[in-house]
Amino acid sequence: MVGDVTLLRPFWLLALPGIALLALWLWRRGVGAAVWQRAARPELLVAMTALGRVTPAAGRMPLWVALSLPVIIVIALAGPAAERRDAPAFRNLDGVLFVVDVSEGVTGSEGWPDLQMTARFALGALGSRPGGLIVYAGDAYEAVDMTGDLRELGQTLSLLEAGTVPDPGARPDRALMLAAHVLRGAEVIAGDVLVFTDGSELGPETLRAATELKAAGARLSFVALRDVSPQMQSHATLTGGQVFGADEVNALTDWLTQSARPRLERQGYPLLFWHDLGRYLLAFGLLPLLWLFRRGAA
């Protein structure tokens, strides 16, 4: 990257040494009048020159004019690009879905206020990405659909308490299946599902749900109420997610801030962030061809 310009496909530049070698070979071999001198009898060459069919002075110039075209094409294919001014607007393709365990074992614990506060800090790290909220206990419900109004989402997070979900128990599998459904409905390409829980009831059913999330292009991550459990770690590893403690606020917010854009670029969406200027170079590359059409250029 140079300044605000980068190359989207720099491997095309590997063709430039080949073009340089071709140019050197053609230069030494001779073009234009030099080729005619080797192929034609001297008296015939004199006659063709008199007729204007061979111009000795123009012998080498068309070579460099012609070779400038593939050089420009190669640079254009390398994808010189400038960053889009509206790039942040495309980050809605990488939304974050908050899944909060509001079962009695979580909301009734001493660490619940800290877990709730961590969720608020994580919400502040979303930037321009949308967020959504799913709450679960014995069943799962979509409390806030995917939205860019993070203030509304934050207010809802603050209101969560014991009894928010009247169904007793804890069914994280239902919450994760609902999360996959919400992400597909919102057409999120590379989302994150962030679960705030004590890790209870994680098992084969939730692993199957994690596989569904991975198929939907999402990572599953956890914020642990207490100690990080092996089950949390295995679920996160399956989908490429992370596990954080409730006290690891800085690590969580840094991860949410830095992980969005690179994921879309790795998944083949770099043009959401960069404006490819190669097409304009291709049009500019036609200009050297005008030299070849001038009278007597052959």
C-alpha atoms as a PDB file:
ATOM      1  CA  MET A   1       0.000   0.000   0.000  1.00  0.00           C
ATOM      2  CA  VAL A   2       1.240   3.476  -0.911  1.00  0.00           C
ATOM      3  CA  GLY A   3      -0.660   6.253   0.844  1.00  0.00           C
ATOM      4  CA  ASP A   4      -4.341   5.614   0.251  1.00  0.00           C
ATOM      5  CA  VAL A   5      -3.735   3.372  -2.793  1.00  0.00           C
ATOM      6  CA  THR A   6      -3.272  -0.385  -2.639  1.00  0.00           C
ATOM      7  CA  LEU A   7      -3.046  -3.289  -5.104  1.00  0.00           C
ATOM      8  CA  LEU A   8      -5.877  -5.809  -4.921  1.00  0.00           C
ATOM      9  CA  ARG A   9      -4.132  -8.417  -7.096  1.00  0.00           C
ATOM     10  CA  PRO A  10      -0.374  -7.717  -6.820  1.00  0.00           C
ATOM     11  CA  PHE A  11       0.609 -11.150  -8.177  1.00  0.00           C
ATOM     12  CA  TRP A  12      -0.038  -9.798 -11.700  1.00  0.00           C
ATOM     13  CA  LEU A  13       3.112  -7.696 -11.337  1.00  0.00           C
ATOM     14  CA  LEU A  14       5.105 -10.905 -11.746  1.00  0.00           C
ATOM     15  CA  ALA A  15       4.431 -10.574 -15.478  1.00  0.00           C
ATOM     16  CA  LEU A  16       6.452  -7.344 -15.739  1.00  0.00           C
ATOM     17  CA  PRO A  17       9.894  -9.036 -15.750  1.00  0.00           C
ATOM     18  CA  GLY A  18       8.714 -11.230 -18.629  1.00  0.00           C
ATOM     19  CA  ILE A  19       7.634  -8.169 -20.607  1.00  0.00           C
ATOM     20  CA  ALA A  20      10.998  -6.542 -19.887  1.00  0.00           C
ATOM     21  CA  LEU A  21      12.859  -9.606 -21.178  1.00  0.00           C
ATOM     22  CA  LEU A  22      10.684  -9.661 -24.303  1.00  0.00           C
ATOM     23  CA  ALA A  23      11.428  -5.993 -24.910  1.00  0.00           C
ATOM     24  CA  LEU A  24      15.180  -6.600 -24.540  1.00  0.00           C
ATOM     25  CA  TRP A  25      15.070  -9.545 -26.940  1.00  0.00           C
ATOM     26  CA  LEU A  26      13.136  -7.585 -29.563  1.00  0.00           C
ATOM     27  CA  TRP A  27      15.465  -4.624 -29.174  1.00  0.00           C
ATOM     28  CA  ARG A  28      18.546  -6.741 -29.790  1.00  0.00           C
ATOM     29  CA  ARG A  29      16.920  -8.661 -32.620  1.00  0.00           C
ATOM     30  CA  GLY A  30      15.932  -5.436 -34.312  1.00  0.00           C
ATOM     31  CA  VAL A  31      12.603  -4.265 -35.607  1.00  0.00           C
ATOM     32  CA  GLY A  32      11.297  -2.141 -38.433  1.00  0.00           C
ATOM     33  CA  ALA A  33      13.992  -1.313 -40.987  1.00  0.00           C
ATOM     34  CA  ALA A  34      16.535  -3.565 -39.258  1.00  0.00           C
ATOM     35  CA  VAL A  35      14.362  -6.591 -39.947  1.00  0.00           C
ATOM     36  CA  TRP A  36      13.889  -5.595 -43.590  1.00  0.00           C
ATOM     37  CA  GLN A  37      17.651  -5.223 -43.990  1.00  0.00           C
ATOM     38  CA  ARG A  38      18.145  -8.858 -43.028  1.00  0.00           C
ATOM     39  CA  ALA A  39      15.235 -10.192 -45.067  1.00  0.00           C
ATOM     40  CA  ALA A  40      15.371  -8.170 -48.324  1.00  0.00           C
ATOM     41  CA  ARG A  41      17.955  -7.470 -51.011  1.00  0.00           C
ATOM     42  CA  PRO A  42      19.526  -4.001 -50.711  1.00  0.00           C
ATOM     43  CA  GLU A  43      18.135  -2.752 -54.021  1.00  0.00           C
ATOM     44  CA  LEU A  44      14.610  -3.884 -53.054  1.00  0.00           C
ATOM     45  CA  LEU A  45      14.917  -2.183 -49.695  1.00  0.00           C
ATOM     46  CA  VAL A  46      15.967   1.071 -51.412  1.00  0.00           C
ATOM     47  CA  ALA A  47      12.921   0.862 -53.674  1.00  0.00           C
ATOM     48  CA  MET A  48      10.542   0.183 -50.757  1.00  0.00           C
ATOM     49  CA  THR A  49      12.036   3.081 -48.824  1.00  0.00           C
ATOM     50  CA  ALA A  50      11.523   5.365 -51.793  1.00  0.00           C
ATOM     51  CA  LEU A  51       7.898   4.264 -51.973  1.00  0.00           C
ATOM     52  CA  GLY A  52       7.448   5.074 -48.282  1.00  0.00           C
ATOM     53  CA  ARG A  53       6.860   1.452 -47.264  1.00  0.00           C
ATOM     54  CA  VAL A  54       9.831   1.432 -44.879  1.00  0.00           C
ATOM     55  CA  THR A  55      10.786   4.342 -42.626  1.00  0.00           C
ATOM     56  CA  PRO A  56      14.203   3.779 -41.063  1.00  0.00           C
ATOM     57  CA  ALA A  57      13.749   6.548 -38.501  1.00  0.00           C
ATOM     58  CA  ALA A  58      10.657   4.857 -37.111  1.00  0.00           C
ATOM     59  CA  GLY A  59      12.335   1.520 -36.669  1.00  0.00           C
ATOM     60  CA  ARG A  60      12.460   1.171 -32.877  1.00  0.00           C
ATOM     61  CA  MET A  61       9.908   3.631 -31.561  1.00  0.00           C
ATOM     62  CA  PRO A  62       6.805   1.480 -32.339  1.00  0.00           C
ATOM     63  CA  LEU A  63       8.363  -1.368 -30.316  1.00  0.00           C
ATOM     64  CA  TRP A  64       8.251   0.653 -27.111  1.00  0.00           C
ATOM     65  CA  VAL A  65       4.852   2.038 -27.947  1.00  0.00           C
ATOM     66  CA  ALA A  66       3.479  -1.484 -28.496  1.00  0.00           C
ATOM     67  CA  LEU A  67       5.099  -2.875 -25.343  1.00  0.00           C
ATOM     68  CA  SER A  68       3.725  -0.059 -23.206  1.00  0.00           C
ATOM     69  CA  LEU A  69       0.239  -1.504 -23.757  1.00  0.00           C
ATOM     70  CA  PRO A  70       0.869  -4.880 -22.011  1.00  0.00           C
ATOM     71  CA  VAL A  71       2.650  -3.037 -19.197  1.00  0.00           C
ATOM     72  CA  ILE A  72      -0.407  -0.864 -18.633  1.00  0.00           C
ATOM     73  CA  ILE A  73      -2.678  -3.933 -18.868  1.00  0.00           C
ATOM     74  CA  VAL A  74      -0.624  -5.787 -16.240  1.00  0.00           C
ATOM     75  CA  ILE A  75      -0.720  -2.815 -13.866  1.00  0.00           C
ATOM     76  CA  ALA A  76      -4.480  -2.535 -14.409  1.00  0.00           C
ATOM     77  CA  LEU A  77      -4.946  -6.254 -13.677  1.00  0.00           C
ATOM     78  CA  ALA A  78      -2.937  -5.796 -10.468  1.00  0.00           C
ATOM     79  CA  GLY A  79      -5.904  -3.738  -9.267  1.00  0.00           C
ATOM     80  CA  PRO A  80      -4.696  -0.325  -8.106  1.00  0.00           C
ATOM     81  CA  ALA A  81      -7.454   0.813  -5.784  1.00  0.00           C
ATOM     82  CA  ALA A  82      -8.359   3.731  -3.565  1.00  0.00           C
ATOM     83  CA  GLU A  83     -10.322   3.300  -0.355  1.00  0.00           C
ATOM     84  CA  ARG A  84     -14.014   4.073  -0.681  1.00  0.00           C
ATOM     85  CA  ARG A  85     -15.218   7.013   1.355  1.00  0.00           C
ATOM     86  CA  ASP A  86     -18.425   5.111   2.122  1.00  0.00           C
ATOM     87  CA  ALA A  87     -16.597   1.939   3.218  1.00  0.00           C
ATOM     88  CA  PRO A  88     -18.015   2.004   6.776  1.00  0.00           C
ATOM     89  CA  ALA A  89     -21.522   1.783   5.332  1.00  0.00           C
ATOM     90  CA  PHE A  90     -20.768  -1.696   4.022  1.00  0.00           C
ATOM     91  CA  ARG A  91     -19.891  -3.029   7.449  1.00  0.00           C
ATOM     92  CA  ASN A  92     -23.536  -3.897   8.021  1.00  0.00           C
ATOM     93  CA  LEU A  93     -22.626  -7.124   6.235  1.00  0.00           C
ATOM     94  CA  ASP A  94     -20.749  -8.118   9.403  1.00  0.00           C
ATOM     95  CA  GLY A  95     -23.362  -7.713  12.140  1.00  0.00           C
ATOM     96  CA  VAL A  96     -23.126  -8.987  15.703  1.00  0.00           C
ATOM     97  CA  LEU A  97     -25.921 -10.895  17.390  1.00  0.00           C
ATOM     98  CA  PHE A  98     -25.927 -10.806  21.200  1.00  0.00           C
ATOM     99  CA  VAL A  99     -27.328 -13.933  22.826  1.00  0.00           C
ATOM    100  CA  VAL A 100     -27.899 -13.466  26.562  1.00  0.00           C
ATOM    101  CA  ASP A 101     -28.646 -16.234  29.027  1.00  0.00           C
ATOM    102  CA  VAL A 102     -31.288 -14.848  31.406  1.00  0.00           C
ATOM    103  CA  SER A 103     -31.953 -18.113  33.194  1.00  0.00           C
ATOM    104  CA  GLU A 104     -32.228 -18.035  36.971  1.00  0.00           C
ATOM    105  CA  GLY A 105     -28.724 -19.407  37.454  1.00  0.00           C
ATOM    106  CA  VAL A 106     -27.233 -16.433  35.570  1.00  0.00           C
ATOM    107  CA  THR A 107     -29.440 -13.477  36.543  1.00  0.00           C
ATOM    108  CA  GLY A 108     -29.489 -14.583  40.171  1.00  0.00           C
ATOM    109  CA  SER A 109     -25.712 -14.698  40.523  1.00  0.00           C
ATOM    110  CA  GLU A 110     -23.446 -11.978  41.909  1.00  0.00           C
ATOM    111  CA  GLY A 111     -21.656 -11.667  38.567  1.00  0.00           C
ATOM    112  CA  TRP A 112     -24.795 -10.774  36.595  1.00  0.00           C
ATOM    113  CA  PRO A 113     -24.302  -6.964  36.791  1.00  0.00           C
ATOM    114  CA  ASP A 114     -20.713  -7.360  35.549  1.00  0.00           C
ATOM    115  CA  LEU A 115     -21.834  -9.581  32.683  1.00  0.00           C
ATOM    116  CA  GLN A 116     -24.512  -7.077  31.759  1.00  0.00           C
ATOM    117  CA  MET A 117     -22.007  -4.225  31.832  1.00  0.00           C
ATOM    118  CA  THR A 118     -19.592  -6.178  29.652  1.00  0.00           C
ATOM    119  CA  ALA A 119     -22.375  -6.605  27.105  1.00  0.00           C
ATOM    120  CA  ARG A 120     -22.902  -2.825  27.089  1.00  0.00           C
ATOM    121  CA  PHE A 121     -19.192  -2.220  26.465  1.00  0.00           C
ATOM    122  CA  ALA A 122     -19.200  -4.806  23.662  1.00  0.00           C
ATOM    123  CA  LEU A 123     -22.158  -3.018  22.125  1.00  0.00           C
ATOM    124  CA  GLY A 124     -20.178   0.221  22.073  1.00  0.00           C
ATOM    125  CA  ALA A 125     -17.443  -1.488  20.030  1.00  0.00           C
ATOM    126  CA  LEU A 126     -19.736  -2.305  17.088  1.00  0.00           C
ATOM    127  CA  GLY A 127     -19.189   1.043  15.390  1.00  0.00           C
ATOM    128  CA  SER A 128     -21.420   1.200  12.298  1.00  0.00           C
ATOM    129  CA  ARG A 129     -22.245  -2.501  12.308  1.00  0.00           C
ATOM    130  CA  PRO A 130     -25.777  -3.493  13.247  1.00  0.00           C
ATOM    131  CA  GLY A 131     -26.549  -5.580  16.293  1.00  0.00           C
ATOM    132  CA  GLY A 132     -29.369  -7.795  17.441  1.00  0.00           C
ATOM    133  CA  LEU A 133     -30.443  -9.407  20.690  1.00  0.00           C
ATOM    134  CA  ILE A 134     -31.699 -12.880  21.559  1.00  0.00           C
ATOM    135  CA  VAL A 135     -32.578 -13.826  25.135  1.00  0.00           C
ATOM    136  CA  TYR A 136     -33.072 -17.337  26.388  1.00  0.00           C
ATOM    137  CA  ALA A 137     -33.837 -19.462  29.391  1.00  0.00           C
ATOM    138  CA  GLY A 138     -36.079 -22.481  28.916  1.00  0.00           C
ATOM    139  CA  ASP A 139     -36.864 -21.101  25.456  1.00  0.00           C
ATOM    140  CA  ALA A 140     -35.345 -18.497  23.151  1.00  0.00           C
ATOM    141  CA  TYR A 141     -36.821 -15.240  21.856  1.00  0.00           C
ATOM    142  CA  GLU A 142     -35.668 -12.482  19.541  1.00  0.00           C
ATOM    143  CA  ALA A 143     -35.781  -9.371  21.731  1.00  0.00           C
ATOM    144  CA  VAL A 144     -34.348  -6.934  19.150  1.00  0.00           C
ATOM    145  CA  ASP A 145     -33.932  -7.755  15.482  1.00  0.00           C
ATOM    146  CA  MET A 146     -30.806  -6.720  13.566  1.00  0.00           C
ATOM    147  CA  THR A 147     -30.705  -2.930  13.703  1.00  0.00           C
ATOM    148  CA  GLY A 148     -28.361  -0.009  13.391  1.00  0.00           C
ATOM    149  CA  ASP A 149     -30.060   1.700  16.337  1.00  0.00           C
ATOM    150  CA  LEU A 150     -27.567   0.574  18.952  1.00  0.00           C
ATOM    151  CA  ARG A 151     -29.051   2.951  21.524  1.00  0.00           C
ATOM    152  CA  GLU A 152     -32.297   0.984  21.506  1.00  0.00           C
ATOM    153  CA  LEU A 153     -30.348  -2.243  21.780  1.00  0.00           C
ATOM    154  CA  GLY A 154     -28.367  -0.892  24.728  1.00  0.00           C
ATOM    155  CA  GLN A 155     -31.532   0.140  26.536  1.00  0.00           C
ATOM    156  CA  THR A 156     -32.994  -3.319  26.102  1.00  0.00           C
ATOM    157  CA  LEU A 157     -29.799  -4.906  27.416  1.00  0.00           C
ATOM    158  CA  SER A 158     -30.035  -2.742  30.523  1.00  0.00           C
ATOM    159  CA  LEU A 159     -33.572  -3.943  31.223  1.00  0.00           C
ATOM    160  CA  LEU A 160     -32.787  -7.661  31.178  1.00  0.00           C
ATOM    161  CA  GLU A 161     -33.399  -9.329  34.537  1.00  0.00           C
ATOM    162  CA  ALA A 162     -34.694 -12.476  36.163  1.00  0.00           C
ATOM    163  CA  GLY A 163     -38.060 -13.348  34.699  1.00  0.00           C
ATOM    164  CA  THR A 164     -37.414 -11.699  31.326  1.00  0.00           C
ATOM    165  CA  VAL A 165     -37.979 -15.149  29.850  1.00  0.00           C
ATOM    166  CA  PRO A 166     -40.677 -16.923  31.901  1.00  0.00           C
ATOM    167  CA  ASP A 167     -39.755 -20.410  30.719  1.00  0.00           C
ATOM    168  CA  PRO A 168     -37.674 -22.191  33.393  1.00  0.00           C
ATOM    169  CA  GLY A 169     -34.412 -23.923  32.570  1.00  0.00           C
ATOM    170  CA  ALA A 170     -31.692 -23.143  30.021  1.00  0.00           C
ATOM    171  CA  ARG A 171     -31.861 -24.057  26.313  1.00  0.00           C
ATOM    172  CA  PRO A 172     -28.841 -22.545  24.579  1.00  0.00           C
ATOM    173  CA  ASP A 173     -29.415 -24.893  21.625  1.00  0.00           C
ATOM    174  CA  ARG A 174     -32.698 -23.155  20.821  1.00  0.00           C
ATOM    175  CA  ALA A 175     -31.022 -19.765  21.153  1.00  0.00           C
ATOM    176  CA  LEU A 176     -28.262 -20.724  18.712  1.00  0.00           C
ATOM    177  CA  MET A 177     -30.700 -22.175  16.178  1.00  0.00           C
ATOM    178  CA  LEU A 178     -32.713 -18.958  16.389  1.00  0.00           C
ATOM    179  CA  ALA A 179     -29.496 -16.971  15.907  1.00  0.00           C
ATOM    180  CA  ALA A 180     -28.738 -18.854  12.677  1.00  0.00           C
ATOM    181  CA  HIS A 181     -32.253 -18.109  11.449  1.00  0.00           C
ATOM    182  CA  VAL A 182     -31.945 -14.394  12.282  1.00  0.00           C
ATOM    183  CA  LEU A 183     -28.594 -14.043  10.523  1.00  0.00           C
ATOM    184  CA  ARG A 184     -29.883 -15.714   7.381  1.00  0.00           C
ATOM    185  CA  GLY A 185     -32.960 -13.499   7.392  1.00  0.00           C
ATOM    186  CA  ALA A 186     -30.808 -10.369   7.759  1.00  0.00           C
ATOM    187  CA  GLU A 187     -28.528 -11.570   4.920  1.00  0.00           C
ATOM    188  CA  VAL A 188     -25.456 -11.093   7.070  1.00  0.00           C
ATOM    189  CA  ILE A 189     -22.409 -12.430   5.244  1.00  0.00           C
ATOM    190  CA  ALA A 190     -19.869 -12.707   8.047  1.00  0.00           C
ATOM    191  CA  GLY A 191     -21.611 -12.272  11.379  1.00  0.00           C
ATOM    192  CA  ASP A 192     -20.672 -12.911  14.968  1.00  0.00           C
ATOM    193  CA  VAL A 193     -22.840 -14.551  17.598  1.00  0.00           C
ATOM    194  CA  LEU A 194     -21.724 -13.513  21.072  1.00  0.00           C
ATOM    195  CA  VAL A 195     -23.186 -15.569  23.923  1.00  0.00           C
ATOM    196  CA  PHE A 196     -23.192 -14.252  27.511  1.00  0.00           C
ATOM    197  CA  THR A 197     -23.656 -17.267  29.762  1.00  0.00           C
ATOM    198  CA  ASP A 198     -22.356 -19.422  32.579  1.00  0.00           C
ATOM    199  CA  GLY A 199     -21.869 -22.245  30.081  1.00  0.00           C
ATOM    200  CA  SER A 200     -24.565 -24.570  31.404  1.00  0.00           C
ATOM    201  CA  GLU A 201     -26.328 -27.022  29.089  1.00  0.00           C
ATOM    202  CA  LEU A 202     -23.700 -26.876  26.358  1.00  0.00           C
ATOM    203  CA  GLY A 203     -23.438 -30.243  24.656  1.00  0.00           C
ATOM    204  CA  PRO A 204     -24.151 -32.198  21.447  1.00  0.00           C
ATOM    205  CA  GLU A 205     -27.267 -30.175  20.597  1.00  0.00           C
ATOM    206  CA  THR A 206     -25.467 -26.862  20.846  1.00  0.00           C
ATOM    207  CA  LEU A 207     -22.555 -28.244  18.825  1.00  0.00           C
ATOM    208  CA  ARG A 208     -24.991 -29.064  16.039  1.00  0.00           C
ATOM    209  CA  ALA A 209     -26.388 -25.550  16.309  1.00  0.00           C
ATOM    210  CA  ALA A 210     -22.840 -24.162  16.165  1.00  0.00           C
ATOM    211  CA  THR A 211     -22.337 -26.058  12.918  1.00  0.00           C
ATOM    212  CA  GLU A 212     -25.451 -24.332  11.552  1.00  0.00           C
ATOM    213  CA  LEU A 213     -23.992 -20.973  12.519  1.00  0.00           C
ATOM    214  CA  LYS A 214     -20.744 -21.773  10.793  1.00  0.00           C
ATOM    215  CA  ALA A 215     -22.663 -22.721   7.648  1.00  0.00           C
ATOM    216  CA  ALA A 216     -24.405 -19.345   7.844  1.00  0.00           C
ATOM    217  CA  GLY A 217     -21.001 -17.615   7.842  1.00  0.00           C
ATOM    218  CA  ALA A 218     -20.971 -16.749  11.542  1.00  0.00           C
ATOM    219  CA  ARG A 219     -18.507 -17.242  14.361  1.00  0.00           C
ATOM    220  CA  LEU A 220     -19.697 -18.321  17.773  1.00  0.00           C
ATOM    221  CA  SER A 221     -18.000 -16.679  20.752  1.00  0.00           C
ATOM    222  CA  PHE A 222     -18.646 -16.627  24.480  1.00  0.00           C
ATOM    223  CA  VAL A 223     -18.365 -14.268  27.410  1.00  0.00           C
ATOM    224  CA  ALA A 224     -18.208 -16.437  30.520  1.00  0.00           C
ATOM    225  CA  LEU A 225     -20.020 -15.450  33.696  1.00  0.00           C
ATOM    226  CA  ARG A 226     -17.454 -17.335  35.732  1.00  0.00           C
ATOM    227  CA  ASP A 227     -14.641 -19.624  34.582  1.00  0.00           C
ATOM    228  CA  VAL A 228     -14.242 -20.486  30.914  1.00  0.00           C
ATOM    229  CA  SER A 229     -15.383 -24.067  30.392  1.00  0.00           C
ATOM    230  CA  PRO A 230     -13.963 -26.622  27.925  1.00  0.00           C
ATOM    231  CA  GLN A 231     -17.377 -26.746  26.269  1.00  0.00           C
ATOM    232  CA  MET A 232     -17.241 -23.031  25.521  1.00  0.00           C
ATOM    233  CA  GLN A 233     -13.777 -23.398  24.068  1.00  0.00           C
ATOM    234  CA  SER A 234     -14.735 -26.342  21.853  1.00  0.00           C
ATOM    235  CA  HIS A 235     -17.794 -24.517  20.473  1.00  0.00           C
ATOM    236  CA  ALA A 236     -15.777 -21.392  19.734  1.00  0.00           C
ATOM    237  CA  THR A 237     -12.943 -23.340  18.111  1.00  0.00           C
ATOM    238  CA  LEU A 238     -15.397 -25.121  15.823  1.00  0.00           C
ATOM    239  CA  THR A 239     -16.576 -21.834  14.329  1.00  0.00           C
ATOM    240  CA  GLY A 240     -13.411 -19.728  14.589  1.00  0.00           C
ATOM    241  CA  GLY A 241     -14.707 -17.681  17.523  1.00  0.00           C
ATOM    242  CA  GLN A 242     -13.176 -16.604  20.817  1.00  0.00           C
ATOM    243  CA  VAL A 243     -13.904 -17.024  24.523  1.00  0.00           C
ATOM    244  CA  PHE A 244     -13.603 -14.156  26.993  1.00  0.00           C
ATOM    245  CA  GLY A 245     -14.043 -13.787  30.708  1.00  0.00           C
ATOM    246  CA  ALA A 246     -16.518 -11.214  31.994  1.00  0.00           C
ATOM    247  CA  ASP A 247     -13.564  -9.129  33.199  1.00  0.00           C
ATOM    248  CA  GLU A 248     -11.770  -9.120  29.817  1.00  0.00           C
ATOM    249  CA  VAL A 249     -13.602  -6.068  28.535  1.00  0.00           C
ATOM    250  CA  ASN A 250     -10.667  -4.529  26.677  1.00  0.00           C
ATOM    251  CA  ALA A 251      -9.795  -7.763  24.890  1.00  0.00           C
ATOM    252  CA  LEU A 252     -13.412  -8.236  23.871  1.00  0.00           C
ATOM    253  CA  THR A 253     -13.909  -4.714  22.536  1.00  0.00           C
ATOM    254  CA  ASP A 254     -10.579  -4.776  20.679  1.00  0.00           C
ATOM    255  CA  TRP A 255     -11.526  -8.062  19.040  1.00  0.00           C
ATOM    256  CA  LEU A 256     -14.922  -6.760  17.956  1.00  0.00           C
ATOM    257  CA  THR A 257     -13.385  -3.560  16.603  1.00  0.00           C
ATOM    258  CA  GLN A 258     -10.585  -5.159  14.606  1.00  0.00           C
ATOM    259  CA  SER A 259     -12.108  -8.378  13.289  1.00  0.00           C
ATOM    260  CA  ALA A 260     -14.938  -7.096  11.082  1.00  0.00           C
ATOM    261  CA  ARG A 261     -13.335  -5.730   7.939  1.00  0.00           C
ATOM    262  CA  PRO A 262     -10.541  -8.322   7.456  1.00  0.00           C
ATOM    263  CA  ARG A 263     -13.141 -11.111   7.506  1.00  0.00           C
ATOM    264  CA  LEU A 264     -15.071  -9.667   4.585  1.00  0.00           C
ATOM    265  CA  GLU A 265     -11.868  -9.036   2.663  1.00  0.00           C
ATOM    266  CA  ARG A 266     -10.707 -12.627   3.205  1.00  0.00           C
ATOM    267  CA  GLN A 267     -14.098 -13.908   2.066  1.00  0.00           C
ATOM    268  CA  GLY A 268     -13.774 -12.187  -1.291  1.00  0.00           C
ATOM    269  CA  TYR A 269     -15.441  -8.828  -0.703  1.00  0.00           C
ATOM    270  CA  PRO A 270     -12.501  -6.404  -0.936  1.00  0.00           C
ATOM    271  CA  LEU A 271     -14.365  -4.184  -3.423  1.00  0.00           C
ATOM    272  CA  LEU A 272     -16.748  -3.261  -0.631  1.00  0.00           C
ATOM    273  CA  PHE A 273     -13.869  -1.232   0.800  1.00  0.00           C
ATOM    274  CA  TRP A 274     -11.736  -0.390  -2.265  1.00  0.00           C
ATOM    275  CA  HIS A 275     -12.589   1.311  -5.550  1.00  0.00           C
ATOM    276  CA  ASP A 276     -10.747  -0.574  -8.316  1.00  0.00           C
ATOM    277  CA  LEU A 277      -9.085   1.930 -10.682  1.00  0.00           C
ATOM    278  CA  GLY A 278      -7.827  -0.737 -13.085  1.00  0.00           C
ATOM    279  CA  ARG A 279     -10.668  -0.220 -15.576  1.00  0.00           C
ATOM    280  CA  TYR A 280      -9.605   3.387 -16.105  1.00  0.00           C
ATOM    281  CA  LEU A 281      -6.020   2.334 -16.717  1.00  0.00           C
ATOM    282  CA  LEU A 282      -7.227  -0.083 -19.411  1.00  0.00           C
ATOM    283  CA  ALA A 283      -8.932   2.800 -21.213  1.00  0.00           C
ATOM    284  CA  PHE A 284      -5.780   4.891 -20.854  1.00  0.00           C
ATOM    285  CA  GLY A 285      -3.766   1.987 -22.273  1.00  0.00           C
ATOM    286  CA  LEU A 286      -5.458   2.370 -25.660  1.00  0.00           C
ATOM    287  CA  LEU A 287      -3.755   5.728 -26.198  1.00  0.00           C
ATOM    288  CA  PRO A 288      -0.331   4.288 -27.149  1.00  0.00           C
ATOM    289  CA  LEU A 289      -2.023   2.379 -29.962  1.00  0.00           C
ATOM    290  CA  LEU A 290      -2.742   5.686 -31.699  1.00  0.00           C
ATOM    291  CA  TRP A 291       0.990   5.976 -32.419  1.00  0.00           C
ATOM    292  CA  LEU A 292       0.879   2.764 -34.426  1.00  0.00           C
ATOM    293  CA  PHE A 293      -1.812   4.160 -36.704  1.00  0.00           C
ATOM    294  CA  ARG A 294       0.130   7.238 -37.700  1.00  0.00           C
ATOM    295  CA  ARG A 295       1.242   7.369 -41.315  1.00  0.00           C
ATOM    296  CA  GLY A 296       4.542   5.642 -41.929  1.00  0.00           C
ATOM    297  CA  ALA A 297       4.785   4.012 -38.486  1.00  0.00           C
ATOM    298  CA  ALA A 298       5.388   0.549 -39.920  1.00  0.00           C
END
